[in-house]
C-alpha atoms as a PDB file:
ATOM      1  CA  UNK A   1       0.000   0.000   0.000  1.00  0.00           C
ATOM      2  CA  UNK A   2       1.380   3.367  -0.979  1.00  0.00           C
ATOM      3  CA  UNK A   3       1.758   6.127   1.605  1.00  0.00           C
ATOM      4  CA  UNK A   4       1.296   8.836  -1.007  1.00  0.00           C
ATOM      5  CA  UNK A   5      -2.099  10.435  -0.810  1.00  0.00           C
ATOM      6  CA  UNK A   6      -3.897  11.357  -3.954  1.00  0.00           C
ATOM      7  CA  UNK A   7      -5.684  14.665  -4.394  1.00  0.00           C
ATOM      8  CA  UNK A   8      -9.016  12.846  -4.116  1.00  0.00           C
ATOM      9  CA  UNK A   9      -8.113  11.312  -0.753  1.00  0.00           C
ATOM     10  CA  UNK A  10      -6.884  14.650   0.588  1.00  0.00           C
ATOM     11  CA  UNK A  11     -10.066  16.429  -0.490  1.00  0.00           C
ATOM     12  CA  UNK A  12     -12.201  13.861   1.337  1.00  0.00           C
ATOM     13  CA  UNK A  13     -10.214  13.967   4.585  1.00  0.00           C
ATOM     14  CA  UNK A  14     -12.649  15.465   7.132  1.00  0.00           C
ATOM     15  CA  UNK A  15      -9.943  16.136   9.731  1.00  0.00           C
ATOM     16  CA  UNK A  16      -7.985  18.304   7.284  1.00  0.00           C
ATOM     17  CA  UNK A  17     -11.080  20.238   6.255  1.00  0.00           C
ATOM     18  CA  UNK A  18     -12.088  20.767   9.882  1.00  0.00           C
ATOM     19  CA  UNK A  19      -8.600  21.981  10.787  1.00  0.00           C
ATOM     20  CA  UNK A  20      -8.694  24.462   7.897  1.00  0.00           C
ATOM     21  CA  UNK A  21     -12.134  25.684   9.013  1.00  0.00           C
ATOM     22  CA  UNK A  22     -10.906  26.282  12.565  1.00  0.00           C
ATOM     23  CA  UNK A  23      -7.872  28.195  11.294  1.00  0.00           C
ATOM     24  CA  UNK A  24     -10.021  30.359   9.009  1.00  0.00           C
ATOM     25  CA  UNK A  25     -12.308  31.212  11.936  1.00  0.00           C
ATOM     26  CA  UNK A  26      -9.259  32.279  13.952  1.00  0.00           C
ATOM     27  CA  UNK A  27      -7.866  34.388  11.097  1.00  0.00           C
ATOM     28  CA  UNK A  28     -11.245  36.072  10.645  1.00  0.00           C
ATOM     29  CA  UNK A  29     -11.335  36.792  14.380  1.00  0.00           C
ATOM     30  CA  UNK A  30      -7.913  38.422  14.300  1.00  0.00           C
ATOM     31  CA  UNK A  31      -8.993  40.509  11.307  1.00  0.00           C
ATOM     32  CA  UNK A  32     -12.072  41.668  13.227  1.00  0.00           C
ATOM     33  CA  UNK A  33      -9.965  42.685  16.216  1.00  0.00           C
ATOM     34  CA  UNK A  34      -7.529  44.607  14.003  1.00  0.00           C
ATOM     35  CA  UNK A  35     -10.404  46.382  12.250  1.00  0.00           C
ATOM     36  CA  UNK A  36     -11.975  47.218  15.615  1.00  0.00           C
ATOM     37  CA  UNK A  37      -8.697  48.651  16.877  1.00  0.00           C
ATOM     38  CA  UNK A  38      -8.342  50.697  13.697  1.00  0.00           C
ATOM     39  CA  UNK A  39     -11.809  52.133  14.271  1.00  0.00           C
ATOM     40  CA  UNK A  40     -10.976  52.861  17.912  1.00  0.00           C
ATOM     41  CA  UNK A  41      -7.824  54.746  16.956  1.00  0.00           C
ATOM     42  CA  UNK A  42      -9.671  56.754  14.266  1.00  0.00           C
ATOM     43  CA  UNK A  43      -7.761  55.165  11.381  1.00  0.00           C
ATOM     44  CA  UNK A  44     -11.159  54.220   9.978  1.00  0.00           C
ATOM     45  CA  UNK A  45     -13.963  56.764  10.206  1.00  0.00           C
ATOM     46  CA  UNK A  46     -16.694  54.376  11.298  1.00  0.00           C
ATOM     47  CA  UNK A  47     -18.842  54.532  14.441  1.00  0.00           C
ATOM     48  CA  UNK A  48     -17.005  53.701  17.647  1.00  0.00           C
ATOM     49  CA  UNK A  49     -19.691  51.202  18.691  1.00  0.00           C
ATOM     50  CA  UNK A  50     -18.882  49.188  15.566  1.00  0.00           C
ATOM     51  CA  UNK A  51     -15.243  49.028  16.649  1.00  0.00           C
ATOM     52  CA  UNK A  52     -16.228  47.644  20.031  1.00  0.00           C
ATOM     53  CA  UNK A  53     -18.546  45.146  18.381  1.00  0.00           C
ATOM     54  CA  UNK A  54     -15.809  43.961  16.017  1.00  0.00           C
ATOM     55  CA  UNK A  55     -13.337  43.541  18.869  1.00  0.00           C
ATOM     56  CA  UNK A  56     -15.828  41.511  20.916  1.00  0.00           C
ATOM     57  CA  UNK A  57     -16.757  39.379  17.904  1.00  0.00           C
ATOM     58  CA  UNK A  58     -13.096  38.835  17.054  1.00  0.00           C
ATOM     59  CA  UNK A  59     -12.232  37.727  20.578  1.00  0.00           C
ATOM     60  CA  UNK A  60     -15.071  35.205  20.509  1.00  0.00           C
ATOM     61  CA  UNK A  61     -13.928  33.974  17.088  1.00  0.00           C
ATOM     62  CA  UNK A  62     -10.364  33.488  18.301  1.00  0.00           C
ATOM     63  CA  UNK A  63     -10.942  31.952  21.735  1.00  0.00           C
ATOM     64  CA  UNK A  64     -14.429  30.429  21.931  1.00  0.00           C
ATOM     65  CA  UNK A  65     -15.618  29.223  18.534  1.00  0.00           C
ATOM     66  CA  UNK A  66     -12.571  27.015  17.720  1.00  0.00           C
ATOM     67  CA  UNK A  67     -13.008  25.163  21.024  1.00  0.00           C
ATOM     68  CA  UNK A  68     -16.707  24.652  20.356  1.00  0.00           C
ATOM     69  CA  UNK A  69     -15.997  23.343  16.866  1.00  0.00           C
ATOM     70  CA  UNK A  70     -13.258  21.018  18.126  1.00  0.00           C
ATOM     71  CA  UNK A  71     -15.578  19.651  20.798  1.00  0.00           C
ATOM     72  CA  UNK A  72     -18.364  19.153  18.261  1.00  0.00           C
ATOM     73  CA  UNK A  73     -16.057  17.371  15.807  1.00  0.00           C
ATOM     74  CA  UNK A  74     -14.170  15.269  18.360  1.00  0.00           C
ATOM     75  CA  UNK A  75     -14.077  11.616  17.447  1.00  0.00           C
ATOM     76  CA  UNK A  76     -15.903   9.278  19.789  1.00  0.00           C
ATOM     77  CA  UNK A  77     -13.239   6.519  19.748  1.00  0.00           C
END
């Protein structure tokens, strides 16, 4: 049996896809925090409440949502 994985096997690997999803959620969270900080420092001329909302959303995306997804997708073995 060959240890090389084909593109079809890699595309169907649920663990890989779940890992990528978790990382994208974290990256989006960091982007939200950065945007919120830019609003708070008047680099972006948007309402201040939106900056606070983006920071709160980003912190949840970075610290809470990945843990919830990992718990939901944990194997039962």
